[in-house]
Amino acid sequence: MPKSTYFYQECPTCGRKLQVRVEYLGKNVVCQHCRAPFEACDPDSAAYPPSDSGLSLLKRADELLDAVRQRRLHPR
């Protein structure tokens, strides 16, 4: 079974840093600490404005997955 890939996002309500699965990008999630709902979005994705087709989210998810693959191939 492949491991899930995560990114970090701060809860907009309580400010806690959360690990969010890449599969949840663009979807509504709930903070496990304060139970506040919010949309999962990578803060670095500001360069990709939302689109109706969701292609920008898919592109950003691919970039995050590629970055993880590169880190695994070339650990520091």
PDB file of N, CA and C in Angstrom:
ATOM      1  N   MET A   1       0.842  -1.168   0.000  1.00  0.00           N
ATOM      2  CA  MET A   1       0.000   0.000   0.000  1.00  0.00           C
ATOM      3  C   MET A   1       0.896   1.242   0.000  1.00  0.00           C
ATOM      4  N   PRO A   2       0.693   2.173  -0.941  1.00  0.00           N
ATOM      5  CA  PRO A   2       1.539   3.368  -1.010  1.00  0.00           C
ATOM      6  C   PRO A   2       1.246   4.298   0.169  1.00  0.00           C
ATOM      7  N   LYS A   3       2.292   5.007   0.599  1.00  0.00           N
ATOM      8  CA  LYS A   3       2.128   5.980   1.669  1.00  0.00           C
ATOM      9  C   LYS A   3       1.415   7.211   1.143  1.00  0.00           C
ATOM     10  N   SER A   4       0.632   7.852   1.999  1.00  0.00           N
ATOM     11  CA  SER A   4      -0.027   9.098   1.622  1.00  0.00           C
ATOM     12  C   SER A   4       0.989  10.231   1.675  1.00  0.00           C
ATOM     13  N   THR A   5       0.762  11.239   0.842  1.00  0.00           N
ATOM     14  CA  THR A   5       1.593  12.430   0.838  1.00  0.00           C
ATOM     15  C   THR A   5       0.805  13.556   1.491  1.00  0.00           C
ATOM     16  N   TYR A   6       1.481  14.301   2.354  1.00  0.00           N
ATOM     17  CA  TYR A   6       0.832  15.354   3.118  1.00  0.00           C
ATOM     18  C   TYR A   6       1.469  16.712   2.840  1.00  0.00           C
ATOM     19  N   PHE A   7       0.707  17.762   3.110  1.00  0.00           N
ATOM     20  CA  PHE A   7       1.244  19.111   3.150  1.00  0.00           C
ATOM     21  C   PHE A   7       0.752  19.717   4.462  1.00  0.00           C
ATOM     22  N   TYR A   8       1.369  20.792   4.868  1.00  0.00           N
ATOM     23  CA  TYR A   8       0.988  21.437   6.126  1.00  0.00           C
ATOM     24  C   TYR A   8       0.153  22.669   5.839  1.00  0.00           C
ATOM     25  N   GLN A   9      -0.903  22.821   6.625  1.00  0.00           N
ATOM     26  CA  GLN A   9      -1.765  23.987   6.513  1.00  0.00           C
ATOM     27  C   GLN A   9      -2.175  24.417   7.912  1.00  0.00           C
ATOM     28  N   GLU A  10      -2.205  25.706   8.119  1.00  0.00           N
ATOM     29  CA  GLU A  10      -2.630  26.251   9.399  1.00  0.00           C
ATOM     30  C   GLU A  10      -4.151  26.338   9.424  1.00  0.00           C
ATOM     31  N   CYS A  11      -4.750  25.923  10.524  1.00  0.00           N
ATOM     32  CA  CYS A  11      -6.204  26.064  10.677  1.00  0.00           C
ATOM     33  C   CYS A  11      -6.530  27.553  10.743  1.00  0.00           C
ATOM     34  N   PRO A  12      -7.459  28.029   9.914  1.00  0.00           N
ATOM     35  CA  PRO A  12      -7.783  29.462   9.919  1.00  0.00           C
ATOM     36  C   PRO A  12      -8.497  29.902  11.198  1.00  0.00           C
ATOM     37  N   THR A  13      -9.012  28.961  11.987  1.00  0.00           N
ATOM     38  CA  THR A  13      -9.727  29.308  13.216  1.00  0.00           C
ATOM     39  C   THR A  13      -8.829  29.281  14.445  1.00  0.00           C
ATOM     40  N   CYS A  14      -8.152  28.138  14.673  1.00  0.00           N
ATOM     41  CA  CYS A  14      -7.349  28.017  15.903  1.00  0.00           C
ATOM     42  C   CYS A  14      -5.854  28.232  15.665  1.00  0.00           C
ATOM     43  N   GLY A  15      -5.410  28.251  14.409  1.00  0.00           N
ATOM     44  CA  GLY A  15      -4.024  28.532  14.097  1.00  0.00           C
ATOM     45  C   GLY A  15      -3.071  27.356  14.221  1.00  0.00           C
ATOM     46  N   ARG A  16      -3.590  26.179  14.555  1.00  0.00           N
ATOM     47  CA  ARG A  16      -2.723  25.005  14.662  1.00  0.00           C
ATOM     48  C   ARG A  16      -2.269  24.552  13.296  1.00  0.00           C
ATOM     49  N   LYS A  17      -1.035  24.061  13.223  1.00  0.00           N
ATOM     50  CA  LYS A  17      -0.491  23.543  11.971  1.00  0.00           C
ATOM     51  C   LYS A  17      -0.967  22.105  11.809  1.00  0.00           C
ATOM     52  N   LEU A  18      -1.602  21.822  10.683  1.00  0.00           N
ATOM     53  CA  LEU A  18      -2.206  20.516  10.443  1.00  0.00           C
ATOM     54  C   LEU A  18      -1.550  19.817   9.264  1.00  0.00           C
ATOM     55  N   GLN A  19      -1.457  18.499   9.345  1.00  0.00           N
ATOM     56  CA  GLN A  19      -1.025  17.688   8.208  1.00  0.00           C
ATOM     57  C   GLN A  19      -2.279  17.330   7.429  1.00  0.00           C
ATOM     58  N   VAL A  20      -2.300  17.677   6.157  1.00  0.00           N
ATOM     59  CA  VAL A  20      -3.469  17.411   5.316  1.00  0.00           C
ATOM     60  C   VAL A  20      -3.015  16.570   4.132  1.00  0.00           C
ATOM     61  N   ARG A  21      -3.736  15.524   3.828  1.00  0.00           N
ATOM     62  CA  ARG A  21      -3.397  14.689   2.678  1.00  0.00           C
ATOM     63  C   ARG A  21      -3.586  15.478   1.385  1.00  0.00           C
ATOM     64  N   VAL A  22      -2.691  15.251   0.443  1.00  0.00           N
ATOM     65  CA  VAL A  22      -2.754  15.940  -0.849  1.00  0.00           C
ATOM     66  C   VAL A  22      -4.082  15.637  -1.543  1.00  0.00           C
ATOM     67  N   GLU A  23      -4.626  14.452  -1.323  1.00  0.00           N
ATOM     68  CA  GLU A  23      -5.900  14.085  -1.961  1.00  0.00           C
ATOM     69  C   GLU A  23      -7.046  15.014  -1.570  1.00  0.00           C
ATOM     70  N   TYR A  24      -6.888  15.740  -0.451  1.00  0.00           N
ATOM     71  CA  TYR A  24      -7.952  16.622   0.035  1.00  0.00           C
ATOM     72  C   TYR A  24      -7.831  18.058  -0.455  1.00  0.00           C
ATOM     73  N   LEU A  25      -6.841  18.356  -1.302  1.00  0.00           N
ATOM     74  CA  LEU A  25      -6.699  19.711  -1.842  1.00  0.00           C
ATOM     75  C   LEU A  25      -8.005  20.155  -2.504  1.00  0.00           C
ATOM     76  N   GLY A  26      -8.457  21.337  -2.144  1.00  0.00           N
ATOM     77  CA  GLY A  26      -9.668  21.898  -2.741  1.00  0.00           C
ATOM     78  C   GLY A  26     -10.961  21.378  -2.132  1.00  0.00           C
ATOM     79  N   LYS A  27     -10.859  20.515  -1.129  1.00  0.00           N
ATOM     80  CA  LYS A  27     -12.057  19.952  -0.501  1.00  0.00           C
ATOM     81  C   LYS A  27     -12.221  20.520   0.900  1.00  0.00           C
ATOM     82  N   ASN A  28     -13.454  20.470   1.394  1.00  0.00           N
ATOM     83  CA  ASN A  28     -13.730  20.926   2.749  1.00  0.00           C
ATOM     84  C   ASN A  28     -13.294  19.852   3.735  1.00  0.00           C
ATOM     85  N   VAL A  29     -12.553  20.261   4.749  1.00  0.00           N
ATOM     86  CA  VAL A  29     -12.085  19.370   5.803  1.00  0.00           C
ATOM     87  C   VAL A  29     -12.423  20.006   7.153  1.00  0.00           C
ATOM     88  N   VAL A  30     -12.169  19.270   8.237  1.00  0.00           N
ATOM     89  CA  VAL A  30     -12.464  19.757   9.578  1.00  0.00           C
ATOM     90  C   VAL A  30     -11.200  19.662  10.419  1.00  0.00           C
ATOM     91  N   CYS A  31     -10.887  20.710  11.136  1.00  0.00           N
ATOM     92  CA  CYS A  31      -9.735  20.724  12.038  1.00  0.00           C
ATOM     93  C   CYS A  31      -9.958  19.692  13.141  1.00  0.00           C
ATOM     94  N   GLN A  32      -8.981  18.850  13.365  1.00  0.00           N
ATOM     95  CA  GLN A  32      -9.095  17.814  14.383  1.00  0.00           C
ATOM     96  C   GLN A  32      -8.967  18.369  15.803  1.00  0.00           C
ATOM     97  N   HIS A  33      -8.561  19.624  15.929  1.00  0.00           N
ATOM     98  CA  HIS A  33      -8.394  20.223  17.251  1.00  0.00           C
ATOM     99  C   HIS A  33      -9.613  21.031  17.670  1.00  0.00           C
ATOM    100  N   CYS A  34     -10.069  21.934  16.788  1.00  0.00           N
ATOM    101  CA  CYS A  34     -11.177  22.815  17.168  1.00  0.00           C
ATOM    102  C   CYS A  34     -12.481  22.498  16.428  1.00  0.00           C
ATOM    103  N   ARG A  35     -12.412  21.554  15.492  1.00  0.00           N
ATOM    104  CA  ARG A  35     -13.585  21.102  14.713  1.00  0.00           C
ATOM    105  C   ARG A  35     -14.125  22.157  13.746  1.00  0.00           C
ATOM    106  N   ALA A  36     -13.333  23.168  13.449  1.00  0.00           N
ATOM    107  CA  ALA A  36     -13.766  24.200  12.504  1.00  0.00           C
ATOM    108  C   ALA A  36     -13.609  23.692  11.072  1.00  0.00           C
ATOM    109  N   PRO A  37     -14.606  23.897  10.223  1.00  0.00           N
ATOM    110  CA  PRO A  37     -14.488  23.499   8.809  1.00  0.00           C
ATOM    111  C   PRO A  37     -13.688  24.544   8.028  1.00  0.00           C
ATOM    112  N   PHE A  38     -12.928  24.080   7.045  1.00  0.00           N
ATOM    113  CA  PHE A  38     -12.195  24.974   6.157  1.00  0.00           C
ATOM    114  C   PHE A  38     -11.831  24.215   4.893  1.00  0.00           C
ATOM    115  N   GLU A  39     -11.413  24.946   3.862  1.00  0.00           N
ATOM    116  CA  GLU A  39     -11.012  24.323   2.599  1.00  0.00           C
ATOM    117  C   GLU A  39      -9.521  24.010   2.639  1.00  0.00           C
ATOM    118  N   ALA A  40      -9.176  22.776   2.311  1.00  0.00           N
ATOM    119  CA  ALA A  40      -7.769  22.376   2.268  1.00  0.00           C
ATOM    120  C   ALA A  40      -7.110  23.010   1.056  1.00  0.00           C
ATOM    121  N   CYS A  41      -6.101  23.831   1.314  1.00  0.00           N
ATOM    122  CA  CYS A  41      -5.374  24.461   0.215  1.00  0.00           C
ATOM    123  C   CYS A  41      -3.940  24.702   0.658  1.00  0.00           C
ATOM    124  N   ASP A  42      -3.019  24.405  -0.200  1.00  0.00           N
ATOM    125  CA  ASP A  42      -1.601  24.601   0.096  1.00  0.00           C
ATOM    126  C   ASP A  42      -1.302  26.089  -0.008  1.00  0.00           C
ATOM    127  N   PRO A  43      -0.703  26.690   1.013  1.00  0.00           N
ATOM    128  CA  PRO A  43      -0.414  28.129   0.957  1.00  0.00           C
ATOM    129  C   PRO A  43       0.474  28.506  -0.214  1.00  0.00           C
ATOM    130  N   ASP A  44       1.318  27.601  -0.682  1.00  0.00           N
ATOM    131  CA  ASP A  44       2.183  27.891  -1.818  1.00  0.00           C
ATOM    132  C   ASP A  44       1.427  27.879  -3.146  1.00  0.00           C
ATOM    133  N   SER A  45       0.164  27.488  -3.124  1.00  0.00           N
ATOM    134  CA  SER A  45      -0.595  27.386  -4.368  1.00  0.00           C
ATOM    135  C   SER A  45      -1.236  28.708  -4.779  1.00  0.00           C
ATOM    136  N   ALA A  46      -0.888  29.799  -4.105  1.00  0.00           N
ATOM    137  CA  ALA A  46      -1.467  31.107  -4.448  1.00  0.00           C
ATOM    138  C   ALA A  46      -1.166  31.488  -5.892  1.00  0.00           C
ATOM    139  N   ALA A  47      -0.111  30.915  -6.447  1.00  0.00           N
ATOM    140  CA  ALA A  47       0.241  31.209  -7.835  1.00  0.00           C
ATOM    141  C   ALA A  47      -0.744  30.560  -8.803  1.00  0.00           C
ATOM    142  N   TYR A  48      -1.579  29.646  -8.276  1.00  0.00           N
ATOM    143  CA  TYR A  48      -2.541  28.950  -9.119  1.00  0.00           C
ATOM    144  C   TYR A  48      -3.951  29.319  -8.684  1.00  0.00           C
ATOM    145  N   PRO A  49      -4.544  30.320  -9.321  1.00  0.00           N
ATOM    146  CA  PRO A  49      -5.890  30.714  -8.920  1.00  0.00           C
ATOM    147  C   PRO A  49      -6.881  29.572  -9.168  1.00  0.00           C
ATOM    148  N   PRO A  50      -7.916  29.456  -8.327  1.00  0.00           N
ATOM    149  CA  PRO A  50      -8.898  28.385  -8.503  1.00  0.00           C
ATOM    150  C   PRO A  50      -9.581  28.465  -9.865  1.00  0.00           C
ATOM    151  N   SER A  51      -9.898  27.329 -10.416  1.00  0.00           N
ATOM    152  CA  SER A  51     -10.618  27.289 -11.689  1.00  0.00           C
ATOM    153  C   SER A  51     -11.766  26.317 -11.554  1.00  0.00           C
ATOM    154  N   ASP A  52     -12.775  26.501 -12.375  1.00  0.00           N
ATOM    155  CA  ASP A  52     -13.941  25.626 -12.319  1.00  0.00           C
ATOM    156  C   ASP A  52     -13.573  24.181 -12.625  1.00  0.00           C
ATOM    157  N   SER A  53     -12.592  23.967 -13.464  1.00  0.00           N
ATOM    158  CA  SER A  53     -12.252  22.610 -13.874  1.00  0.00           C
ATOM    159  C   SER A  53     -11.397  21.888 -12.842  1.00  0.00           C
ATOM    160  N   GLY A  54     -10.775  22.622 -11.932  1.00  0.00           N
ATOM    161  CA  GLY A  54      -9.924  22.007 -10.932  1.00  0.00           C
ATOM    162  C   GLY A  54      -8.553  21.622 -11.458  1.00  0.00           C
ATOM    163  N   LEU A  55      -8.245  22.028 -12.679  1.00  0.00           N
ATOM    164  CA  LEU A  55      -6.948  21.677 -13.254  1.00  0.00           C
ATOM    165  C   LEU A  55      -5.798  22.286 -12.474  1.00  0.00           C
ATOM    166  N   SER A  56      -5.996  23.481 -11.934  1.00  0.00           N
ATOM    167  CA  SER A  56      -4.912  24.103 -11.169  1.00  0.00           C
ATOM    168  C   SER A  56      -4.617  23.304  -9.900  1.00  0.00           C
ATOM    169  N   LEU A  57      -5.652  22.755  -9.267  1.00  0.00           N
ATOM    170  CA  LEU A  57      -5.435  21.926  -8.083  1.00  0.00           C
ATOM    171  C   LEU A  57      -4.692  20.650  -8.435  1.00  0.00           C
ATOM    172  N   LEU A  58      -5.062  20.047  -9.544  1.00  0.00           N
ATOM    173  CA  LEU A  58      -4.381  18.829  -9.977  1.00  0.00           C
ATOM    174  C   LEU A  58      -2.918  19.116 -10.307  1.00  0.00           C
ATOM    175  N   LYS A  59      -2.664  20.238 -10.944  1.00  0.00           N
ATOM    176  CA  LYS A  59      -1.292  20.607 -11.279  1.00  0.00           C
ATOM    177  C   LYS A  59      -0.472  20.798 -10.013  1.00  0.00           C
ATOM    178  N   ARG A  60      -1.033  21.491  -9.022  1.00  0.00           N
ATOM    179  CA  ARG A  60      -0.321  21.717  -7.765  1.00  0.00           C
ATOM    180  C   ARG A  60      -0.090  20.397  -7.028  1.00  0.00           C
ATOM    181  N   ALA A  61      -1.066  19.500  -7.039  1.00  0.00           N
ATOM    182  CA  ALA A  61      -0.899  18.190  -6.398  1.00  0.00           C
ATOM    183  C   ALA A  61       0.231  17.415  -7.064  1.00  0.00           C
ATOM    184  N   ASP A  62       0.296  17.459  -8.393  1.00  0.00           N
ATOM    185  CA  ASP A  62       1.385  16.799  -9.109  1.00  0.00           C
ATOM    186  C   ASP A  62       2.742  17.391  -8.726  1.00  0.00           C
ATOM    187  N   GLU A  63       2.814  18.712  -8.586  1.00  0.00           N
ATOM    188  CA  GLU A  63       4.064  19.358  -8.191  1.00  0.00           C
ATOM    189  C   GLU A  63       4.494  18.922  -6.790  1.00  0.00           C
ATOM    190  N   LEU A  64       3.526  18.833  -5.865  1.00  0.00           N
ATOM    191  CA  LEU A  64       3.847  18.390  -4.516  1.00  0.00           C
ATOM    192  C   LEU A  64       4.333  16.946  -4.509  1.00  0.00           C
ATOM    193  N   LEU A  65       3.681  16.090  -5.282  1.00  0.00           N
ATOM    194  CA  LEU A  65       4.108  14.692  -5.372  1.00  0.00           C
ATOM    195  C   LEU A  65       5.495  14.581  -5.990  1.00  0.00           C
ATOM    196  N   ASP A  66       5.773  15.375  -7.017  1.00  0.00           N
ATOM    197  CA  ASP A  66       7.108  15.373  -7.631  1.00  0.00           C
ATOM    198  C   ASP A  66       8.171  15.825  -6.631  1.00  0.00           C
ATOM    199  N   ALA A  67       7.847  16.829  -5.828  1.00  0.00           N
ATOM    200  CA  ALA A  67       8.797  17.319  -4.832  1.00  0.00           C
ATOM    201  C   ALA A  67       9.123  16.226  -3.818  1.00  0.00           C
ATOM    202  N   VAL A  68       8.107  15.469  -3.416  1.00  0.00           N
ATOM    203  CA  VAL A  68       8.329  14.373  -2.470  1.00  0.00           C
ATOM    204  C   VAL A  68       9.201  13.300  -3.110  1.00  0.00           C
ATOM    205  N   ARG A  69       8.936  12.984  -4.358  1.00  0.00           N
ATOM    206  CA  ARG A  69       9.746  11.975  -5.060  1.00  0.00           C
ATOM    207  C   ARG A  69      11.203  12.417  -5.155  1.00  0.00           C
ATOM    208  N   GLN A  70      11.417  13.696  -5.437  1.00  0.00           N
ATOM    209  CA  GLN A  70      12.778  14.219  -5.541  1.00  0.00           C
ATOM    210  C   GLN A  70      13.500  14.133  -4.201  1.00  0.00           C
ATOM    211  N   ARG A  71      12.789  14.435  -3.110  1.00  0.00           N
ATOM    212  CA  ARG A  71      13.405  14.360  -1.781  1.00  0.00           C
ATOM    213  C   ARG A  71      13.776  12.923  -1.439  1.00  0.00           C
ATOM    214  N   ARG A  72      12.963  11.973  -1.888  1.00  0.00           N
ATOM    215  CA  ARG A  72      13.261  10.568  -1.614  1.00  0.00           C
ATOM    216  C   ARG A  72      14.469  10.101  -2.429  1.00  0.00           C
ATOM    217  N   LEU A  73      14.592  10.610  -3.648  1.00  0.00           N
ATOM    218  CA  LEU A  73      15.713  10.235  -4.504  1.00  0.00           C
ATOM    219  C   LEU A  73      17.011  10.912  -4.082  1.00  0.00           C
ATOM    220  N   HIS A  74      16.902  12.136  -3.588  1.00  0.00           N
ATOM    221  CA  HIS A  74      18.077  12.938  -3.223  1.00  0.00           C
ATOM    222  C   HIS A  74      17.929  13.483  -1.811  1.00  0.00           C
ATOM    223  N   PRO A  75      17.975  12.595  -0.796  1.00  0.00           N
ATOM    224  CA  PRO A  75      17.835  13.100   0.583  1.00  0.00           C
ATOM    225  C   PRO A  75      19.007  13.992   0.955  1.00  0.00           C
ATOM    226  N   ARG A  76      18.750  14.915   1.829  1.00  0.00           N
ATOM    227  CA  ARG A  76      19.785  15.889   2.245  1.00  0.00           C
ATOM    228  C   ARG A  76      20.710  15.292   3.250  1.00  0.00           C
TER     229      ARG A  76
END
